[in-house]
Amino acid sequence: MPITTFENYRGFAVDKLFNWREEAGLASKLLACLLFAVLMALAAQLRLYLPFTPVPFTGQVLIVLLVGFVLGRFGTLSVGMYLGMGASFGWFSGQVGLAALSGVTAGYLVGFVISAAMIGEMTHRNGSWNFSKIILVMSAGAAIILLSGSLWLSLLLHLDLAQALLLGALPFLVGDAIKVLAAASTAYLITPNRS
């Protein structure tokens, strides 16, 4: 039967995406991980520095939230590839190697891995999604990133946790809420089993 409506085409494309995640070979999955790692790298280049926090606004959180949902458990590998390439090529802060992974944003980078792992695991365990559930999972992912980043700032800059949260989480709440909404909306559109 030919596909004649947008909804039928959307359903066909979404089913293909989710079936691909389960059925694709290792080489295809690794290529998808690399693609998302490059997207994270591009999003990292969109930086906005503000005078009241040492941490820049970037677009990486949006990609991290999506990578776990789209790639499932392979999302963690994609973030790992991003971190490896970032340390090798110096796109985090112009530094290369371990120095790139120990600056003010190191806690957020660790949070990216934990967030992608959590979202990927939730995606594998749940067969049915509604918009509220996606928002909840992605909000938890964003909170993990902000908390991890703030904890690292507390250690690195010798701040108490309240001060670290004021520098490392509070300035990003509105921006991250927008990223969560954008990521959740995208995820909802590509979800085959919506409830």
N, C-alpha and C. Protein backbone atom coordinates (compact mmCIF):
# COMPACT_ATOMS: atom_id res chain seq x y z
N MET A 1 0.85 -1.18 0.00
CA MET A 1 0.00 0.00 0.00
C MET A 1 0.89 1.24 0.00
N PRO A 2 0.71 2.17 -0.94
CA PRO A 2 1.60 3.34 -1.01
C PRO A 2 1.37 4.29 0.16
N ILE A 3 2.45 4.97 0.52
CA ILE A 3 2.35 5.97 1.59
C ILE A 3 1.80 7.24 0.98
N THR A 4 0.63 7.67 1.45
CA THR A 4 -0.02 8.81 0.82
C THR A 4 -0.16 10.01 1.73
N THR A 5 -0.01 9.87 3.03
CA THR A 5 -0.18 11.01 3.92
C THR A 5 1.10 11.24 4.71
N PHE A 6 1.22 12.45 5.21
CA PHE A 6 2.39 12.80 6.02
C PHE A 6 2.46 11.91 7.25
N GLU A 7 1.34 11.66 7.90
CA GLU A 7 1.33 10.85 9.12
C GLU A 7 1.80 9.42 8.82
N ASN A 8 1.37 8.87 7.69
CA ASN A 8 1.84 7.54 7.32
C ASN A 8 3.35 7.55 7.07
N TYR A 9 3.84 8.60 6.39
CA TYR A 9 5.27 8.70 6.13
C TYR A 9 6.03 8.86 7.44
N ARG A 10 5.53 9.72 8.33
CA ARG A 10 6.16 9.93 9.62
C ARG A 10 6.23 8.60 10.39
N GLY A 11 5.12 7.87 10.42
CA GLY A 11 5.09 6.59 11.11
C GLY A 11 6.10 5.61 10.52
N PHE A 12 6.20 5.58 9.20
CA PHE A 12 7.15 4.70 8.52
C PHE A 12 8.58 5.08 8.90
N ALA A 13 8.90 6.38 8.86
CA ALA A 13 10.25 6.85 9.17
C ALA A 13 10.61 6.58 10.63
N VAL A 14 9.67 6.83 11.54
CA VAL A 14 9.91 6.62 12.96
C VAL A 14 10.14 5.14 13.26
N ASP A 15 9.31 4.29 12.68
CA ASP A 15 9.48 2.85 12.88
C ASP A 15 10.85 2.40 12.37
N LYS A 16 11.26 2.93 11.21
CA LYS A 16 12.57 2.59 10.65
C LYS A 16 13.69 3.00 11.62
N LEU A 17 13.58 4.22 12.19
CA LEU A 17 14.59 4.72 13.11
C LEU A 17 14.71 3.80 14.32
N PHE A 18 13.60 3.47 14.95
CA PHE A 18 13.66 2.67 16.16
C PHE A 18 14.01 1.21 15.85
N ASN A 19 13.56 0.69 14.73
CA ASN A 19 13.98 -0.65 14.33
C ASN A 19 15.47 -0.68 14.00
N TRP A 20 15.95 0.40 13.38
CA TRP A 20 17.37 0.49 13.07
C TRP A 20 18.20 0.39 14.34
N ARG A 21 17.76 1.07 15.39
CA ARG A 21 18.52 1.07 16.64
C ARG A 21 18.69 -0.34 17.19
N GLU A 22 17.68 -1.18 16.99
CA GLU A 22 17.75 -2.55 17.47
C GLU A 22 18.41 -3.50 16.47
N GLU A 23 18.26 -3.23 15.19
CA GLU A 23 18.67 -4.19 14.17
C GLU A 23 19.99 -3.86 13.46
N ALA A 24 20.45 -2.64 13.56
CA ALA A 24 21.65 -2.23 12.81
C ALA A 24 22.88 -2.97 13.31
N GLY A 25 23.84 -3.11 12.43
CA GLY A 25 25.10 -3.73 12.79
C GLY A 25 25.98 -2.77 13.58
N LEU A 26 27.04 -3.30 14.11
CA LEU A 26 27.95 -2.51 14.94
C LEU A 26 28.55 -1.34 14.16
N ALA A 27 28.93 -1.56 12.91
CA ALA A 27 29.54 -0.48 12.11
C ALA A 27 28.56 0.68 11.94
N SER A 28 27.30 0.40 11.67
CA SER A 28 26.30 1.46 11.51
C SER A 28 26.09 2.22 12.81
N LYS A 29 26.07 1.49 13.92
CA LYS A 29 25.88 2.15 15.21
C LYS A 29 27.07 3.03 15.56
N LEU A 30 28.27 2.55 15.26
CA LEU A 30 29.46 3.36 15.53
C LEU A 30 29.49 4.61 14.66
N LEU A 31 29.04 4.49 13.43
CA LEU A 31 28.96 5.65 12.54
C LEU A 31 27.95 6.67 13.08
N ALA A 32 26.82 6.19 13.58
CA ALA A 32 25.82 7.09 14.18
C ALA A 32 26.39 7.76 15.42
N CYS A 33 27.14 7.02 16.23
CA CYS A 33 27.79 7.60 17.41
C CYS A 33 28.75 8.71 17.01
N LEU A 34 29.52 8.46 15.96
CA LEU A 34 30.46 9.47 15.47
C LEU A 34 29.73 10.71 14.97
N LEU A 35 28.62 10.51 14.26
CA LEU A 35 27.83 11.64 13.76
C LEU A 35 27.34 12.51 14.91
N PHE A 36 26.80 11.89 15.96
CA PHE A 36 26.34 12.66 17.10
C PHE A 36 27.50 13.32 17.85
N ALA A 37 28.65 12.66 17.90
CA ALA A 37 29.83 13.27 18.53
C ALA A 37 30.24 14.54 17.79
N VAL A 38 30.18 14.50 16.46
CA VAL A 38 30.50 15.69 15.66
C VAL A 38 29.44 16.78 15.89
N LEU A 39 28.18 16.39 15.99
CA LEU A 39 27.13 17.39 16.30
C LEU A 39 27.38 18.05 17.65
N MET A 40 27.80 17.26 18.65
CA MET A 40 28.13 17.83 19.96
C MET A 40 29.30 18.80 19.83
N ALA A 41 30.28 18.43 19.02
CA ALA A 41 31.45 19.30 18.82
C ALA A 41 31.04 20.62 18.18
N LEU A 42 30.16 20.55 17.20
CA LEU A 42 29.67 21.78 16.57
C LEU A 42 28.88 22.63 17.56
N ALA A 43 28.04 21.97 18.36
CA ALA A 43 27.25 22.69 19.37
C ALA A 43 28.15 23.33 20.42
N ALA A 44 29.31 22.73 20.70
CA ALA A 44 30.25 23.28 21.67
C ALA A 44 30.86 24.58 21.18
N GLN A 45 30.89 24.78 19.87
CA GLN A 45 31.49 25.99 19.33
C GLN A 45 30.57 27.21 19.46
N LEU A 46 29.30 26.97 19.74
CA LEU A 46 28.35 28.05 19.98
C LEU A 46 28.44 28.41 21.45
N ARG A 47 29.31 29.35 21.78
CA ARG A 47 29.57 29.70 23.19
C ARG A 47 29.20 31.15 23.45
N LEU A 48 28.62 31.36 24.62
CA LEU A 48 28.32 32.71 25.07
C LEU A 48 28.87 32.85 26.49
N TYR A 49 29.85 33.74 26.66
CA TYR A 49 30.46 33.96 27.97
C TYR A 49 29.77 35.13 28.66
N LEU A 50 29.47 34.95 29.94
CA LEU A 50 28.85 36.00 30.74
C LEU A 50 29.80 36.38 31.88
N PRO A 51 29.74 37.62 32.35
CA PRO A 51 30.71 38.06 33.35
C PRO A 51 30.52 37.45 34.74
N PHE A 52 29.35 36.90 35.02
CA PHE A 52 29.07 36.43 36.39
C PHE A 52 29.26 34.93 36.58
N THR A 53 29.72 34.21 35.57
CA THR A 53 30.00 32.79 35.72
C THR A 53 31.19 32.40 34.83
N PRO A 54 32.06 31.53 35.31
CA PRO A 54 33.19 31.11 34.49
C PRO A 54 32.81 30.08 33.41
N VAL A 55 31.58 29.61 33.45
CA VAL A 55 31.13 28.55 32.54
C VAL A 55 30.32 29.18 31.41
N PRO A 56 30.66 28.88 30.15
CA PRO A 56 29.92 29.47 29.04
C PRO A 56 28.60 28.74 28.76
N PHE A 57 27.65 29.45 28.16
CA PHE A 57 26.46 28.82 27.60
C PHE A 57 26.88 28.14 26.29
N THR A 58 26.44 26.91 26.09
CA THR A 58 26.72 26.20 24.83
C THR A 58 25.48 25.43 24.41
N GLY A 59 25.54 24.84 23.22
CA GLY A 59 24.41 24.06 22.72
C GLY A 59 24.54 22.57 22.96
N GLN A 60 25.59 22.13 23.66
CA GLN A 60 25.84 20.70 23.80
C GLN A 60 24.73 19.95 24.54
N VAL A 61 24.14 20.58 25.54
CA VAL A 61 23.13 19.89 26.36
C VAL A 61 21.99 19.37 25.48
N LEU A 62 21.56 20.16 24.52
CA LEU A 62 20.49 19.73 23.62
C LEU A 62 20.86 18.43 22.91
N ILE A 63 22.08 18.34 22.40
CA ILE A 63 22.52 17.14 21.68
C ILE A 63 22.67 15.97 22.64
N VAL A 64 23.21 16.21 23.83
CA VAL A 64 23.37 15.14 24.81
C VAL A 64 22.02 14.53 25.17
N LEU A 65 21.01 15.37 25.37
CA LEU A 65 19.69 14.86 25.72
C LEU A 65 19.11 14.01 24.59
N LEU A 66 19.36 14.42 23.37
CA LEU A 66 18.84 13.66 22.22
C LEU A 66 19.62 12.39 21.94
N VAL A 67 20.93 12.41 22.17
CA VAL A 67 21.75 11.26 21.80
C VAL A 67 21.35 10.01 22.57
N GLY A 68 21.04 10.17 23.84
CA GLY A 68 20.61 9.01 24.62
C GLY A 68 19.28 8.47 24.14
N PHE A 69 18.40 9.37 23.75
CA PHE A 69 17.07 8.95 23.30
C PHE A 69 17.13 8.29 21.93
N VAL A 70 17.91 8.84 21.03
CA VAL A 70 17.98 8.31 19.67
C VAL A 70 18.84 7.05 19.59
N LEU A 71 20.01 7.05 20.25
CA LEU A 71 20.93 5.93 20.15
C LEU A 71 20.80 4.92 21.28
N GLY A 72 19.98 5.23 22.28
CA GLY A 72 19.84 4.32 23.41
C GLY A 72 21.15 4.18 24.15
N ARG A 73 21.52 2.96 24.46
CA ARG A 73 22.74 2.72 25.23
C ARG A 73 24.00 3.14 24.48
N PHE A 74 23.93 3.23 23.17
CA PHE A 74 25.08 3.67 22.39
C PHE A 74 25.30 5.19 22.53
N GLY A 75 24.34 5.90 23.10
CA GLY A 75 24.52 7.33 23.32
C GLY A 75 25.71 7.63 24.21
N THR A 76 25.94 6.77 25.20
CA THR A 76 27.08 6.96 26.09
C THR A 76 28.39 6.87 25.32
N LEU A 77 28.46 5.92 24.41
CA LEU A 77 29.66 5.78 23.57
C LEU A 77 29.87 7.03 22.72
N SER A 78 28.79 7.59 22.20
CA SER A 78 28.89 8.79 21.39
C SER A 78 29.46 9.95 22.19
N VAL A 79 28.99 10.12 23.43
CA VAL A 79 29.53 11.18 24.28
C VAL A 79 30.99 10.91 24.60
N GLY A 80 31.34 9.64 24.80
CA GLY A 80 32.74 9.28 25.02
C GLY A 80 33.61 9.64 23.83
N MET A 81 33.10 9.39 22.61
CA MET A 81 33.83 9.78 21.41
C MET A 81 34.03 11.29 21.37
N TYR A 82 32.97 12.03 21.71
CA TYR A 82 33.05 13.48 21.74
C TYR A 82 34.14 13.94 22.71
N LEU A 83 34.18 13.35 23.90
CA LEU A 83 35.18 13.73 24.89
C LEU A 83 36.59 13.40 24.41
N GLY A 84 36.75 12.23 23.80
CA GLY A 84 38.06 11.85 23.28
C GLY A 84 38.53 12.78 22.17
N MET A 85 37.63 13.11 21.26
CA MET A 85 38.01 14.01 20.17
C MET A 85 38.25 15.42 20.69
N GLY A 86 37.45 15.83 21.66
CA GLY A 86 37.63 17.17 22.22
C GLY A 86 38.96 17.33 22.91
N ALA A 87 39.36 16.31 23.66
CA ALA A 87 40.67 16.35 24.33
C ALA A 87 41.80 16.29 23.31
N SER A 88 41.59 15.56 22.22
CA SER A 88 42.64 15.43 21.20
C SER A 88 42.80 16.68 20.34
N PHE A 89 41.67 17.31 19.99
CA PHE A 89 41.71 18.44 19.06
C PHE A 89 41.62 19.80 19.74
N GLY A 90 41.38 19.82 21.04
CA GLY A 90 41.41 21.07 21.79
C GLY A 90 40.21 21.98 21.60
N TRP A 91 39.04 21.42 21.28
CA TRP A 91 37.91 22.33 21.06
C TRP A 91 37.15 22.68 22.33
N PHE A 92 37.51 22.08 23.48
CA PHE A 92 36.82 22.45 24.72
C PHE A 92 37.21 23.86 25.14
N SER A 93 38.52 24.10 25.26
CA SER A 93 38.96 25.41 25.72
C SER A 93 40.29 25.80 25.08
N GLY A 94 40.59 25.20 23.95
CA GLY A 94 41.85 25.48 23.29
C GLY A 94 42.99 24.63 23.82
N GLN A 95 42.69 23.80 24.86
CA GLN A 95 43.71 22.94 25.43
C GLN A 95 43.58 21.54 24.83
N VAL A 96 44.68 20.79 24.90
CA VAL A 96 44.69 19.44 24.36
C VAL A 96 45.05 18.47 25.48
N GLY A 97 44.53 17.26 25.43
CA GLY A 97 44.87 16.22 26.39
C GLY A 97 44.10 16.36 27.70
N LEU A 98 44.70 15.84 28.77
CA LEU A 98 44.01 15.82 30.06
C LEU A 98 43.72 17.21 30.59
N ALA A 99 44.52 18.21 30.22
CA ALA A 99 44.27 19.58 30.67
C ALA A 99 42.91 20.06 30.21
N ALA A 100 42.48 19.59 29.04
CA ALA A 100 41.18 20.00 28.50
C ALA A 100 40.03 19.41 29.31
N LEU A 101 40.31 18.31 30.00
CA LEU A 101 39.26 17.65 30.77
C LEU A 101 39.32 17.97 32.26
N SER A 102 40.08 19.00 32.62
CA SER A 102 40.20 19.34 34.04
C SER A 102 39.90 20.81 34.32
N GLY A 103 39.38 21.56 33.35
CA GLY A 103 39.05 22.96 33.56
C GLY A 103 37.69 23.13 34.22
N VAL A 104 37.15 24.33 34.15
CA VAL A 104 35.89 24.64 34.83
C VAL A 104 34.70 23.86 34.28
N THR A 105 34.80 23.38 33.05
CA THR A 105 33.68 22.65 32.46
C THR A 105 33.79 21.13 32.62
N ALA A 106 34.83 20.64 33.29
CA ALA A 106 35.04 19.19 33.39
C ALA A 106 33.87 18.48 34.04
N GLY A 107 33.28 19.06 35.05
CA GLY A 107 32.14 18.43 35.72
C GLY A 107 30.94 18.28 34.81
N TYR A 108 30.75 19.26 33.94
CA TYR A 108 29.65 19.18 32.98
C TYR A 108 29.91 18.07 31.96
N LEU A 109 31.17 17.91 31.57
CA LEU A 109 31.52 16.86 30.62
C LEU A 109 31.24 15.48 31.20
N VAL A 110 31.58 15.30 32.48
CA VAL A 110 31.25 14.04 33.17
C VAL A 110 29.73 13.88 33.24
N GLY A 111 29.04 14.99 33.52
CA GLY A 111 27.58 14.96 33.56
C GLY A 111 26.97 14.56 32.22
N PHE A 112 27.61 14.95 31.11
CA PHE A 112 27.12 14.55 29.79
C PHE A 112 27.09 13.02 29.67
N VAL A 113 28.15 12.38 30.14
CA VAL A 113 28.24 10.91 30.05
C VAL A 113 27.14 10.27 30.91
N ILE A 114 27.00 10.74 32.15
CA ILE A 114 26.01 10.16 33.06
C ILE A 114 24.60 10.40 32.52
N SER A 115 24.35 11.61 32.04
CA SER A 115 23.02 11.95 31.50
C SER A 115 22.68 11.09 30.29
N ALA A 116 23.60 10.96 29.35
CA ALA A 116 23.35 10.14 28.15
C ALA A 116 23.12 8.69 28.53
N ALA A 117 23.87 8.19 29.52
CA ALA A 117 23.71 6.81 29.97
C ALA A 117 22.33 6.60 30.60
N MET A 118 21.91 7.55 31.43
CA MET A 118 20.61 7.42 32.09
C MET A 118 19.47 7.47 31.07
N ILE A 119 19.52 8.43 30.16
CA ILE A 119 18.46 8.56 29.15
C ILE A 119 18.46 7.35 28.22
N GLY A 120 19.64 6.90 27.82
CA GLY A 120 19.74 5.72 26.96
C GLY A 120 19.16 4.48 27.62
N GLU A 121 19.46 4.30 28.90
CA GLU A 121 18.93 3.14 29.62
C GLU A 121 17.41 3.22 29.76
N MET A 122 16.92 4.41 30.06
CA MET A 122 15.46 4.59 30.18
C MET A 122 14.78 4.33 28.84
N THR A 123 15.41 4.74 27.76
CA THR A 123 14.84 4.52 26.43
C THR A 123 14.74 3.03 26.12
N HIS A 124 15.75 2.27 26.52
CA HIS A 124 15.74 0.83 26.27
C HIS A 124 14.70 0.11 27.14
N ARG A 125 14.48 0.61 28.34
CA ARG A 125 13.58 -0.09 29.27
C ARG A 125 12.11 0.24 29.06
N ASN A 126 11.81 1.37 28.44
CA ASN A 126 10.42 1.79 28.29
C ASN A 126 9.98 1.63 26.84
N GLY A 127 8.88 0.95 26.65
CA GLY A 127 8.37 0.76 25.30
C GLY A 127 7.37 1.82 24.88
N SER A 128 6.78 2.49 25.84
CA SER A 128 5.74 3.48 25.53
C SER A 128 6.09 4.81 26.17
N TRP A 129 5.96 5.89 25.40
CA TRP A 129 6.34 7.21 25.88
C TRP A 129 5.21 8.20 25.66
N ASN A 130 5.00 9.08 26.63
CA ASN A 130 4.15 10.25 26.40
C ASN A 130 5.04 11.48 26.62
N PHE A 131 4.51 12.63 26.25
CA PHE A 131 5.33 13.85 26.31
C PHE A 131 5.78 14.15 27.73
N SER A 132 4.91 13.92 28.71
CA SER A 132 5.27 14.20 30.11
C SER A 132 6.42 13.33 30.57
N LYS A 133 6.41 12.06 30.18
CA LYS A 133 7.49 11.14 30.58
C LYS A 133 8.81 11.56 29.93
N ILE A 134 8.75 11.97 28.67
CA ILE A 134 9.97 12.42 27.99
C ILE A 134 10.51 13.68 28.66
N ILE A 135 9.64 14.63 28.97
CA ILE A 135 10.06 15.86 29.67
C ILE A 135 10.72 15.52 31.00
N LEU A 136 10.11 14.60 31.74
CA LEU A 136 10.64 14.21 33.04
C LEU A 136 12.04 13.61 32.92
N VAL A 137 12.22 12.68 31.98
CA VAL A 137 13.52 12.03 31.81
C VAL A 137 14.57 13.03 31.34
N MET A 138 14.20 13.90 30.41
CA MET A 138 15.18 14.87 29.91
C MET A 138 15.49 15.95 30.94
N SER A 139 14.51 16.31 31.76
CA SER A 139 14.77 17.25 32.86
C SER A 139 15.76 16.64 33.86
N ALA A 140 15.57 15.35 34.14
CA ALA A 140 16.51 14.66 35.03
C ALA A 140 17.91 14.64 34.42
N GLY A 141 17.98 14.43 33.10
CA GLY A 141 19.28 14.45 32.41
C GLY A 141 19.95 15.80 32.51
N ALA A 142 19.19 16.87 32.31
CA ALA A 142 19.75 18.23 32.42
C ALA A 142 20.17 18.53 33.86
N ALA A 143 19.38 18.06 34.83
CA ALA A 143 19.72 18.28 36.24
C ALA A 143 21.02 17.57 36.60
N ILE A 144 21.22 16.37 36.07
CA ILE A 144 22.46 15.63 36.31
C ILE A 144 23.66 16.44 35.81
N ILE A 145 23.52 17.02 34.63
CA ILE A 145 24.61 17.81 34.05
C ILE A 145 24.92 19.02 34.92
N LEU A 146 23.88 19.75 35.32
CA LEU A 146 24.09 20.95 36.14
C LEU A 146 24.66 20.62 37.52
N LEU A 147 24.17 19.55 38.13
CA LEU A 147 24.67 19.17 39.45
C LEU A 147 26.12 18.70 39.37
N SER A 148 26.43 17.89 38.38
CA SER A 148 27.80 17.42 38.20
C SER A 148 28.76 18.59 37.96
N GLY A 149 28.33 19.52 37.11
CA GLY A 149 29.15 20.69 36.83
C GLY A 149 29.37 21.55 38.07
N SER A 150 28.31 21.73 38.85
CA SER A 150 28.41 22.54 40.07
C SER A 150 29.28 21.88 41.12
N LEU A 151 29.17 20.57 41.27
CA LEU A 151 30.02 19.86 42.24
C LEU A 151 31.50 20.02 41.88
N TRP A 152 31.81 19.92 40.57
CA TRP A 152 33.20 20.10 40.14
C TRP A 152 33.67 21.53 40.41
N LEU A 153 32.81 22.51 40.12
CA LEU A 153 33.19 23.91 40.42
C LEU A 153 33.47 24.10 41.90
N SER A 154 32.67 23.46 42.73
CA SER A 154 32.87 23.55 44.17
C SER A 154 34.26 23.04 44.57
N LEU A 155 34.66 21.92 43.98
CA LEU A 155 35.99 21.37 44.28
C LEU A 155 37.11 22.20 43.67
N LEU A 156 36.95 22.58 42.42
CA LEU A 156 38.00 23.28 41.69
C LEU A 156 38.25 24.68 42.24
N LEU A 157 37.17 25.40 42.55
CA LEU A 157 37.29 26.80 42.97
C LEU A 157 37.18 26.96 44.48
N HIS A 158 37.12 25.86 45.22
CA HIS A 158 37.03 25.87 46.68
C HIS A 158 35.84 26.70 47.17
N LEU A 159 34.66 26.37 46.63
CA LEU A 159 33.41 27.04 46.98
C LEU A 159 32.54 26.09 47.79
N ASP A 160 31.65 26.66 48.59
CA ASP A 160 30.65 25.77 49.19
C ASP A 160 29.62 25.46 48.11
N LEU A 161 28.79 24.45 48.36
CA LEU A 161 27.89 23.97 47.33
C LEU A 161 26.89 25.04 46.90
N ALA A 162 26.42 25.86 47.83
CA ALA A 162 25.46 26.91 47.47
C ALA A 162 26.09 27.91 46.50
N GLN A 163 27.33 28.32 46.76
CA GLN A 163 28.02 29.24 45.85
C GLN A 163 28.24 28.58 44.48
N ALA A 164 28.61 27.31 44.50
CA ALA A 164 28.85 26.60 43.24
C ALA A 164 27.56 26.49 42.42
N LEU A 165 26.44 26.26 43.08
CA LEU A 165 25.16 26.19 42.38
C LEU A 165 24.77 27.55 41.80
N LEU A 166 25.10 28.63 42.53
CA LEU A 166 24.82 29.98 42.03
C LEU A 166 25.63 30.28 40.77
N LEU A 167 26.86 29.77 40.71
CA LEU A 167 27.72 29.99 39.54
C LEU A 167 27.50 28.96 38.43
N GLY A 168 27.22 27.72 38.83
CA GLY A 168 27.25 26.63 37.87
C GLY A 168 25.90 26.08 37.44
N ALA A 169 24.83 26.45 38.14
CA ALA A 169 23.51 25.93 37.77
C ALA A 169 22.49 27.03 37.53
N LEU A 170 22.38 27.95 38.46
CA LEU A 170 21.35 28.98 38.36
C LEU A 170 21.36 29.77 37.05
N PRO A 171 22.53 30.19 36.55
CA PRO A 171 22.52 30.97 35.30
C PRO A 171 22.02 30.19 34.09
N PHE A 172 21.97 28.86 34.20
CA PHE A 172 21.64 28.02 33.05
C PHE A 172 20.23 27.43 33.10
N LEU A 173 19.49 27.70 34.16
CA LEU A 173 18.18 27.05 34.33
C LEU A 173 17.22 27.37 33.20
N VAL A 174 17.09 28.63 32.84
CA VAL A 174 16.14 29.00 31.78
C VAL A 174 16.60 28.43 30.43
N GLY A 175 17.89 28.60 30.12
CA GLY A 175 18.41 28.08 28.86
C GLY A 175 18.26 26.57 28.77
N ASP A 176 18.54 25.87 29.87
CA ASP A 176 18.42 24.41 29.85
C ASP A 176 16.97 23.97 29.79
N ALA A 177 16.07 24.75 30.39
CA ALA A 177 14.64 24.43 30.28
C ALA A 177 14.19 24.50 28.82
N ILE A 178 14.70 25.49 28.09
CA ILE A 178 14.38 25.61 26.66
C ILE A 178 14.96 24.44 25.89
N LYS A 179 16.19 24.05 26.23
CA LYS A 179 16.83 22.90 25.56
C LYS A 179 16.06 21.61 25.85
N VAL A 180 15.61 21.44 27.09
CA VAL A 180 14.81 20.26 27.45
C VAL A 180 13.53 20.23 26.64
N LEU A 181 12.87 21.37 26.53
CA LEU A 181 11.62 21.43 25.76
C LEU A 181 11.87 21.10 24.29
N ALA A 182 12.94 21.65 23.72
CA ALA A 182 13.26 21.38 22.32
C ALA A 182 13.63 19.91 22.11
N ALA A 183 14.46 19.37 23.00
CA ALA A 183 14.86 17.96 22.87
C ALA A 183 13.67 17.04 23.07
N ALA A 184 12.83 17.33 24.06
CA ALA A 184 11.67 16.48 24.33
C ALA A 184 10.67 16.54 23.18
N SER A 185 10.49 17.71 22.59
CA SER A 185 9.57 17.84 21.45
C SER A 185 10.08 17.03 20.27
N THR A 186 11.38 17.11 20.01
CA THR A 186 11.98 16.32 18.93
C THR A 186 11.84 14.83 19.22
N ALA A 187 12.15 14.45 20.45
CA ALA A 187 12.06 13.04 20.83
C ALA A 187 10.62 12.53 20.69
N TYR A 188 9.66 13.35 21.08
CA TYR A 188 8.26 12.94 20.99
C TYR A 188 7.85 12.72 19.53
N LEU A 189 8.35 13.57 18.65
CA LEU A 189 8.01 13.43 17.23
C LEU A 189 8.58 12.15 16.62
N ILE A 190 9.71 11.69 17.15
CA ILE A 190 10.34 10.50 16.56
C ILE A 190 10.04 9.23 17.36
N THR A 191 9.11 9.30 18.30
CA THR A 191 8.76 8.15 19.12
C THR A 191 7.63 7.36 18.48
N PRO A 192 7.84 6.07 18.23
CA PRO A 192 6.79 5.29 17.57
C PRO A 192 5.65 4.91 18.50
N ASN A 193 5.93 4.62 19.76
CA ASN A 193 4.89 4.13 20.69
C ASN A 193 4.48 5.24 21.64
N ARG A 194 3.78 6.23 21.11
CA ARG A 194 3.34 7.35 21.93
C ARG A 194 2.06 6.97 22.64
N SER A 195 1.97 7.34 23.92
CA SER A 195 0.76 7.04 24.69
C SER A 195 0.09 8.32 25.13
